[in-house]
Amino acid sequence: MSRSKPMRWSAALAGAVGIVVVVGAATASATPSAVVRGGPTITAHVTEAKQGQACRIEAPGVDMPWRAVGADGTVDLDTGPVAPGHHRARVTCEERGAAAHPVGRQEDVFTGRWAPALEFLHHHRLEL
């Protein structure tokens, strides 16, 4: 029994698409992400990082120690007391013996007594 040419092409195309989907799913990896917030201190919540990595918040005037990522791939970071005002903060993670790499993007955050109001104004592009 022989198949028609259109049916053979359809079967070949379906097989090729199936292979691409399977290979793509097998090679896909989670990308770490971070949510950075201001307030009394600068905080961040990192998700989908690899266990064995260490992360910290970096900003001018902030010297924070590295914190290990947990078995669930998350870590909560807190800078502790920082000078009140505007900060450009970013989360950086590194594996042992490897170069540090940024996670997410650099964020404008505000600390101090008026942090919630300043964040609201900044979010709505109403700078003072």
N, C-alpha and C. Protein backbone atom coordinates (compact mmCIF):
# COMPACT_ATOMS: atom_id res chain seq x y z
N MET A 1 0.83 -1.15 0.00
CA MET A 1 0.00 0.00 0.00
C MET A 1 0.90 1.23 0.00
N SER A 2 0.62 2.20 -0.86
CA SER A 2 1.45 3.40 -0.90
C SER A 2 0.62 4.62 -0.53
N ARG A 3 1.28 5.56 0.08
CA ARG A 3 0.61 6.79 0.49
C ARG A 3 0.74 7.83 -0.61
N SER A 4 -0.14 8.78 -0.63
CA SER A 4 -0.05 9.86 -1.60
C SER A 4 1.05 10.83 -1.17
N LYS A 5 1.55 11.59 -2.12
CA LYS A 5 2.64 12.54 -1.82
C LYS A 5 2.23 13.56 -0.76
N PRO A 6 1.04 14.18 -0.84
CA PRO A 6 0.69 15.15 0.21
C PRO A 6 0.67 14.53 1.60
N MET A 7 0.23 13.28 1.69
CA MET A 7 0.17 12.63 3.00
C MET A 7 1.58 12.37 3.53
N ARG A 8 2.52 12.00 2.66
CA ARG A 8 3.91 11.78 3.09
C ARG A 8 4.53 13.08 3.57
N TRP A 9 4.28 14.17 2.84
CA TRP A 9 4.83 15.46 3.24
C TRP A 9 4.23 15.90 4.59
N SER A 10 2.97 15.68 4.78
CA SER A 10 2.32 16.04 6.05
C SER A 10 2.92 15.25 7.21
N ALA A 11 3.13 13.95 6.98
CA ALA A 11 3.72 13.11 8.02
C ALA A 11 5.15 13.56 8.33
N ALA A 12 5.93 13.89 7.31
CA ALA A 12 7.31 14.35 7.51
C ALA A 12 7.34 15.68 8.25
N LEU A 13 6.44 16.59 7.88
CA LEU A 13 6.38 17.89 8.53
C LEU A 13 5.97 17.75 10.00
N ALA A 14 4.98 16.91 10.27
CA ALA A 14 4.55 16.68 11.65
C ALA A 14 5.68 16.07 12.48
N GLY A 15 6.42 15.16 11.91
CA GLY A 15 7.56 14.56 12.61
C GLY A 15 8.64 15.58 12.91
N ALA A 16 8.93 16.45 11.94
CA ALA A 16 9.96 17.48 12.13
C ALA A 16 9.55 18.46 13.22
N VAL A 17 8.29 18.89 13.21
CA VAL A 17 7.80 19.80 14.24
C VAL A 17 7.87 19.14 15.61
N GLY A 18 7.50 17.88 15.68
CA GLY A 18 7.58 17.15 16.94
C GLY A 18 8.99 17.09 17.49
N ILE A 19 9.95 16.86 16.62
CA ILE A 19 11.36 16.80 17.05
C ILE A 19 11.81 18.16 17.57
N VAL A 20 11.44 19.24 16.88
CA VAL A 20 11.82 20.59 17.33
C VAL A 20 11.24 20.89 18.70
N VAL A 21 9.99 20.52 18.91
CA VAL A 21 9.35 20.77 20.21
C VAL A 21 10.03 19.97 21.31
N VAL A 22 10.32 18.72 21.07
CA VAL A 22 10.96 17.87 22.08
C VAL A 22 12.36 18.38 22.40
N VAL A 23 13.15 18.72 21.39
CA VAL A 23 14.50 19.23 21.63
C VAL A 23 14.45 20.57 22.36
N GLY A 24 13.53 21.44 21.97
CA GLY A 24 13.39 22.74 22.64
C GLY A 24 13.03 22.59 24.09
N ALA A 25 12.11 21.70 24.39
CA ALA A 25 11.71 21.48 25.79
C ALA A 25 12.84 20.88 26.61
N ALA A 26 13.63 20.02 26.00
CA ALA A 26 14.73 19.38 26.72
C ALA A 26 15.86 20.35 27.02
N THR A 27 16.08 21.33 26.13
CA THR A 27 17.20 22.25 26.33
C THR A 27 16.80 23.53 27.04
N ALA A 28 15.52 23.76 27.24
CA ALA A 28 15.07 24.99 27.91
C ALA A 28 15.47 24.94 29.37
N SER A 29 15.87 26.09 29.88
CA SER A 29 16.20 26.17 31.30
C SER A 29 15.56 27.41 31.89
N ALA A 30 15.29 27.36 33.15
CA ALA A 30 14.66 28.49 33.82
C ALA A 30 15.66 29.63 33.93
N THR A 31 15.17 30.83 33.73
CA THR A 31 16.00 32.01 33.86
C THR A 31 15.71 32.66 35.20
N PRO A 32 16.74 32.92 36.00
CA PRO A 32 16.49 33.56 37.29
C PRO A 32 15.87 34.94 37.11
N SER A 33 15.02 35.30 38.04
CA SER A 33 14.44 36.64 38.03
C SER A 33 14.46 37.20 39.45
N ALA A 34 14.40 38.53 39.54
CA ALA A 34 14.45 39.18 40.84
C ALA A 34 13.46 40.33 40.88
N VAL A 35 12.83 40.50 42.03
CA VAL A 35 11.95 41.64 42.28
C VAL A 35 12.62 42.46 43.37
N VAL A 36 12.97 43.71 43.04
CA VAL A 36 13.69 44.59 43.96
C VAL A 36 12.71 45.66 44.45
N ARG A 37 12.72 45.91 45.76
CA ARG A 37 11.82 46.89 46.36
C ARG A 37 12.58 47.79 47.33
N GLY A 38 12.09 49.00 47.47
CA GLY A 38 12.63 49.94 48.45
C GLY A 38 11.76 49.92 49.69
N GLY A 39 12.02 50.82 50.59
CA GLY A 39 11.29 50.93 51.86
C GLY A 39 12.28 51.35 52.93
N PRO A 40 12.17 50.81 54.13
CA PRO A 40 13.18 51.11 55.15
C PRO A 40 14.57 50.61 54.72
N THR A 41 14.59 49.49 53.99
CA THR A 41 15.82 48.93 53.44
C THR A 41 15.55 48.55 51.98
N ILE A 42 16.57 48.10 51.28
CA ILE A 42 16.37 47.57 49.93
C ILE A 42 16.25 46.06 50.05
N THR A 43 15.17 45.51 49.50
CA THR A 43 14.95 44.07 49.56
C THR A 43 14.78 43.51 48.15
N ALA A 44 15.00 42.21 48.03
CA ALA A 44 14.81 41.54 46.75
C ALA A 44 14.40 40.10 47.00
N HIS A 45 13.60 39.58 46.09
CA HIS A 45 13.20 38.17 46.13
C HIS A 45 13.64 37.56 44.79
N VAL A 46 14.55 36.61 44.85
CA VAL A 46 15.09 35.96 43.65
C VAL A 46 14.44 34.60 43.50
N THR A 47 13.99 34.27 42.29
CA THR A 47 13.38 32.97 42.01
C THR A 47 14.07 32.32 40.83
N GLU A 48 13.94 31.00 40.74
CA GLU A 48 14.45 30.17 39.66
C GLU A 48 15.97 30.23 39.50
N ALA A 49 16.66 30.49 40.59
CA ALA A 49 18.13 30.44 40.57
C ALA A 49 18.56 29.01 40.89
N LYS A 50 19.81 28.70 40.58
CA LYS A 50 20.33 27.35 40.85
C LYS A 50 20.80 27.24 42.28
N GLN A 51 20.50 26.10 42.89
CA GLN A 51 21.03 25.84 44.21
C GLN A 51 22.55 25.79 44.10
N GLY A 52 23.24 26.35 45.06
CA GLY A 52 24.69 26.41 45.01
C GLY A 52 25.19 27.78 44.58
N GLN A 53 24.30 28.62 44.06
CA GLN A 53 24.66 29.98 43.73
C GLN A 53 24.54 30.85 44.98
N ALA A 54 25.13 32.01 44.92
CA ALA A 54 24.99 33.01 45.97
C ALA A 54 24.61 34.32 45.30
N CYS A 55 23.74 35.10 45.95
CA CYS A 55 23.25 36.35 45.37
C CYS A 55 23.37 37.48 46.38
N ARG A 56 23.38 38.70 45.86
CA ARG A 56 23.37 39.89 46.71
C ARG A 56 22.83 41.07 45.92
N ILE A 57 22.44 42.11 46.65
CA ILE A 57 21.98 43.35 46.04
C ILE A 57 23.18 44.26 45.91
N GLU A 58 23.34 44.87 44.74
CA GLU A 58 24.42 45.81 44.52
C GLU A 58 23.83 47.17 44.17
N ALA A 59 24.33 48.20 44.84
CA ALA A 59 23.95 49.58 44.59
C ALA A 59 25.07 50.46 45.14
N PRO A 60 25.22 51.67 44.62
CA PRO A 60 26.24 52.56 45.18
C PRO A 60 26.01 52.80 46.67
N GLY A 61 27.03 52.62 47.47
CA GLY A 61 26.95 52.81 48.90
C GLY A 61 26.39 51.63 49.67
N VAL A 62 26.12 50.51 48.99
CA VAL A 62 25.58 49.32 49.64
C VAL A 62 26.64 48.23 49.60
N ASP A 63 26.99 47.71 50.77
CA ASP A 63 27.96 46.62 50.86
C ASP A 63 27.27 45.46 51.56
N MET A 64 26.73 44.55 50.78
CA MET A 64 25.93 43.45 51.32
C MET A 64 26.67 42.14 51.13
N PRO A 65 26.62 41.24 52.11
CA PRO A 65 27.25 39.92 51.93
C PRO A 65 26.44 39.05 50.97
N TRP A 66 27.08 38.02 50.43
CA TRP A 66 26.41 37.06 49.55
C TRP A 66 25.51 36.17 50.38
N ARG A 67 24.35 35.79 49.84
CA ARG A 67 23.41 34.88 50.49
C ARG A 67 23.20 33.67 49.58
N ALA A 68 23.21 32.49 50.15
CA ALA A 68 23.08 31.25 49.37
C ALA A 68 21.64 31.04 48.91
N VAL A 69 21.50 30.51 47.71
CA VAL A 69 20.19 30.16 47.15
C VAL A 69 19.76 28.84 47.78
N GLY A 70 18.50 28.75 48.16
CA GLY A 70 17.97 27.55 48.80
C GLY A 70 17.70 26.44 47.80
N ALA A 71 17.33 25.28 48.32
CA ALA A 71 17.06 24.10 47.49
C ALA A 71 15.88 24.33 46.55
N ASP A 72 14.97 25.25 46.92
CA ASP A 72 13.82 25.53 46.05
C ASP A 72 14.13 26.58 44.98
N GLY A 73 15.38 27.06 44.92
CA GLY A 73 15.79 28.01 43.89
C GLY A 73 15.46 29.46 44.21
N THR A 74 15.13 29.74 45.47
CA THR A 74 14.80 31.12 45.85
C THR A 74 15.72 31.60 46.96
N VAL A 75 15.82 32.91 47.06
CA VAL A 75 16.54 33.54 48.16
C VAL A 75 15.93 34.93 48.36
N ASP A 76 15.77 35.32 49.64
CA ASP A 76 15.30 36.65 50.00
C ASP A 76 16.49 37.46 50.48
N LEU A 77 16.64 38.65 49.93
CA LEU A 77 17.79 39.50 50.24
C LEU A 77 17.32 40.78 50.92
N ASP A 78 18.13 41.28 51.86
CA ASP A 78 17.84 42.53 52.56
C ASP A 78 19.17 43.20 52.85
N THR A 79 19.30 44.46 52.43
CA THR A 79 20.58 45.16 52.60
C THR A 79 20.83 45.59 54.03
N GLY A 80 19.79 45.68 54.82
CA GLY A 80 19.95 46.28 56.14
C GLY A 80 19.92 47.79 55.97
N PRO A 81 20.27 48.54 57.02
CA PRO A 81 20.18 50.00 56.96
C PRO A 81 21.02 50.60 55.83
N VAL A 82 20.38 51.50 55.07
CA VAL A 82 21.06 52.26 54.01
C VAL A 82 20.63 53.71 54.13
N ALA A 83 21.39 54.59 53.52
CA ALA A 83 21.06 56.02 53.55
C ALA A 83 19.72 56.25 52.84
N PRO A 84 18.87 57.09 53.39
CA PRO A 84 17.60 57.35 52.73
C PRO A 84 17.81 58.08 51.40
N GLY A 85 16.94 57.80 50.45
CA GLY A 85 17.02 58.48 49.16
C GLY A 85 16.82 57.54 47.99
N HIS A 86 17.29 57.96 46.83
CA HIS A 86 17.14 57.24 45.56
C HIS A 86 18.36 56.34 45.34
N HIS A 87 18.11 55.09 44.95
CA HIS A 87 19.18 54.13 44.69
C HIS A 87 18.92 53.42 43.37
N ARG A 88 19.97 53.12 42.63
CA ARG A 88 19.89 52.28 41.43
C ARG A 88 20.42 50.92 41.86
N ALA A 89 19.52 49.97 42.11
CA ALA A 89 19.90 48.67 42.67
C ALA A 89 19.72 47.55 41.65
N ARG A 90 20.55 46.53 41.78
CA ARG A 90 20.49 45.36 40.91
C ARG A 90 20.91 44.15 41.72
N VAL A 91 20.34 42.99 41.38
CA VAL A 91 20.72 41.73 42.03
C VAL A 91 21.77 41.06 41.16
N THR A 92 22.80 40.55 41.80
CA THR A 92 23.87 39.82 41.12
C THR A 92 24.01 38.46 41.78
N CYS A 93 24.16 37.42 40.95
CA CYS A 93 24.36 36.06 41.47
C CYS A 93 25.64 35.47 40.87
N GLU A 94 26.23 34.53 41.58
CA GLU A 94 27.43 33.85 41.08
C GLU A 94 27.45 32.41 41.58
N GLU A 95 28.06 31.56 40.78
CA GLU A 95 28.33 30.19 41.21
C GLU A 95 29.76 30.14 41.70
N ARG A 96 30.05 29.18 42.53
CA ARG A 96 31.43 29.05 43.03
C ARG A 96 32.40 28.91 41.87
N GLY A 97 33.40 29.76 41.86
CA GLY A 97 34.43 29.69 40.83
C GLY A 97 34.02 30.28 39.49
N ALA A 98 32.85 30.87 39.39
CA ALA A 98 32.40 31.45 38.13
C ALA A 98 32.18 32.95 38.31
N ALA A 99 32.13 33.66 37.20
CA ALA A 99 31.93 35.10 37.25
C ALA A 99 30.50 35.44 37.68
N ALA A 100 30.35 36.55 38.36
CA ALA A 100 29.03 37.02 38.78
C ALA A 100 28.26 37.52 37.56
N HIS A 101 26.95 37.33 37.58
CA HIS A 101 26.11 37.80 36.47
C HIS A 101 24.87 38.49 37.03
N PRO A 102 24.40 39.54 36.34
CA PRO A 102 23.21 40.24 36.83
C PRO A 102 21.96 39.40 36.65
N VAL A 103 21.01 39.58 37.53
CA VAL A 103 19.71 38.91 37.46
C VAL A 103 18.65 40.00 37.34
N GLY A 104 17.85 39.92 36.32
CA GLY A 104 16.85 40.96 36.10
C GLY A 104 17.51 42.23 35.61
N ARG A 105 16.84 43.34 35.85
CA ARG A 105 17.38 44.62 35.40
C ARG A 105 17.60 45.55 36.58
N GLN A 106 18.35 46.59 36.35
CA GLN A 106 18.60 47.56 37.40
C GLN A 106 17.31 48.33 37.67
N GLU A 107 17.00 48.54 38.94
CA GLU A 107 15.75 49.19 39.34
C GLU A 107 16.04 50.47 40.11
N ASP A 108 15.17 51.46 39.94
CA ASP A 108 15.20 52.66 40.77
C ASP A 108 14.36 52.37 42.01
N VAL A 109 14.97 52.45 43.18
CA VAL A 109 14.25 52.23 44.43
C VAL A 109 14.52 53.40 45.37
N PHE A 110 13.61 53.60 46.31
CA PHE A 110 13.73 54.67 47.27
C PHE A 110 13.69 54.09 48.67
N THR A 111 14.51 54.67 49.55
CA THR A 111 14.53 54.23 50.94
C THR A 111 14.28 55.43 51.84
N GLY A 112 13.90 55.12 53.06
CA GLY A 112 13.66 56.18 54.03
C GLY A 112 12.19 56.37 54.33
N ARG A 113 11.89 57.41 55.09
CA ARG A 113 10.55 57.68 55.56
C ARG A 113 9.55 57.90 54.42
N TRP A 114 9.95 58.57 53.36
CA TRP A 114 9.05 58.91 52.26
C TRP A 114 9.14 57.94 51.10
N ALA A 115 9.75 56.80 51.30
CA ALA A 115 9.94 55.83 50.22
C ALA A 115 8.65 55.44 49.50
N PRO A 116 7.56 55.09 50.21
CA PRO A 116 6.34 54.71 49.48
C PRO A 116 5.81 55.83 48.58
N ALA A 117 5.82 57.06 49.07
CA ALA A 117 5.33 58.18 48.27
C ALA A 117 6.23 58.43 47.07
N LEU A 118 7.54 58.40 47.28
CA LEU A 118 8.48 58.62 46.18
C LEU A 118 8.39 57.52 45.14
N GLU A 119 8.21 56.27 45.58
CA GLU A 119 8.05 55.17 44.62
C GLU A 119 6.78 55.35 43.79
N PHE A 120 5.70 55.77 44.44
CA PHE A 120 4.45 56.01 43.73
C PHE A 120 4.63 57.10 42.67
N LEU A 121 5.24 58.20 43.06
CA LEU A 121 5.46 59.31 42.12
C LEU A 121 6.37 58.87 40.97
N HIS A 122 7.42 58.14 41.29
CA HIS A 122 8.35 57.68 40.26
C HIS A 122 7.64 56.71 39.29
N HIS A 123 6.84 55.81 39.83
CA HIS A 123 6.12 54.83 38.99
C HIS A 123 5.17 55.53 38.02
N HIS A 124 4.57 56.62 38.46
CA HIS A 124 3.63 57.36 37.62
C HIS A 124 4.30 58.54 36.90
N ARG A 125 5.62 58.54 36.91
CA ARG A 125 6.42 59.55 36.22
C ARG A 125 6.08 60.98 36.65
N LEU A 126 5.91 61.15 37.95
CA LEU A 126 5.60 62.45 38.53
C LEU A 126 6.75 62.86 39.45
N GLU A 127 7.92 63.08 38.87
CA GLU A 127 9.11 63.39 39.67
C GLU A 127 8.98 64.77 40.30
N LEU A 128 9.56 64.94 41.50
CA LEU A 128 9.57 66.23 42.18
C LEU A 128 10.69 67.10 41.65
